[in-house]
Amino acid sequence: MHTKNNLLNKPGTGKWLLMVSIVLALFWLLCASVNMYRYAITGAVFELLSLPSLAGALFIMIVSVIILFKRSTRKLFPVLSILILVGTFLYTSYF
């Protein structure tokens, strides 16, 4: 097995992690600022998407930490994704 072709070592992995973390952060910020239960359909969509998005955010943070420890270079995108998600969860939990 070649370790150079590992998914965690590819240069584009950090960019994908950053893009997905931005989408998840926008989802959580939108849900925190809008009354999701005003209409039944938005409440149902929120309930269906909240647990998978929370699991996805946890997965992205774990993969980002693994990338930080495995890579010697290209660490900016995983650090940004961790900071974005932690900042989003701190904002949504306190406001």
Foldseek 3Di string as FASTA:
>chain_A
DDPCPDPLNDLCNLVVLLVLLVVLLVVLVVPLVDPQVPDPVSVVVCVVVVVVSVVVLVVSLVSLVVSVVPDPDDNVSSVNSNVSNVVSVVVSVPD
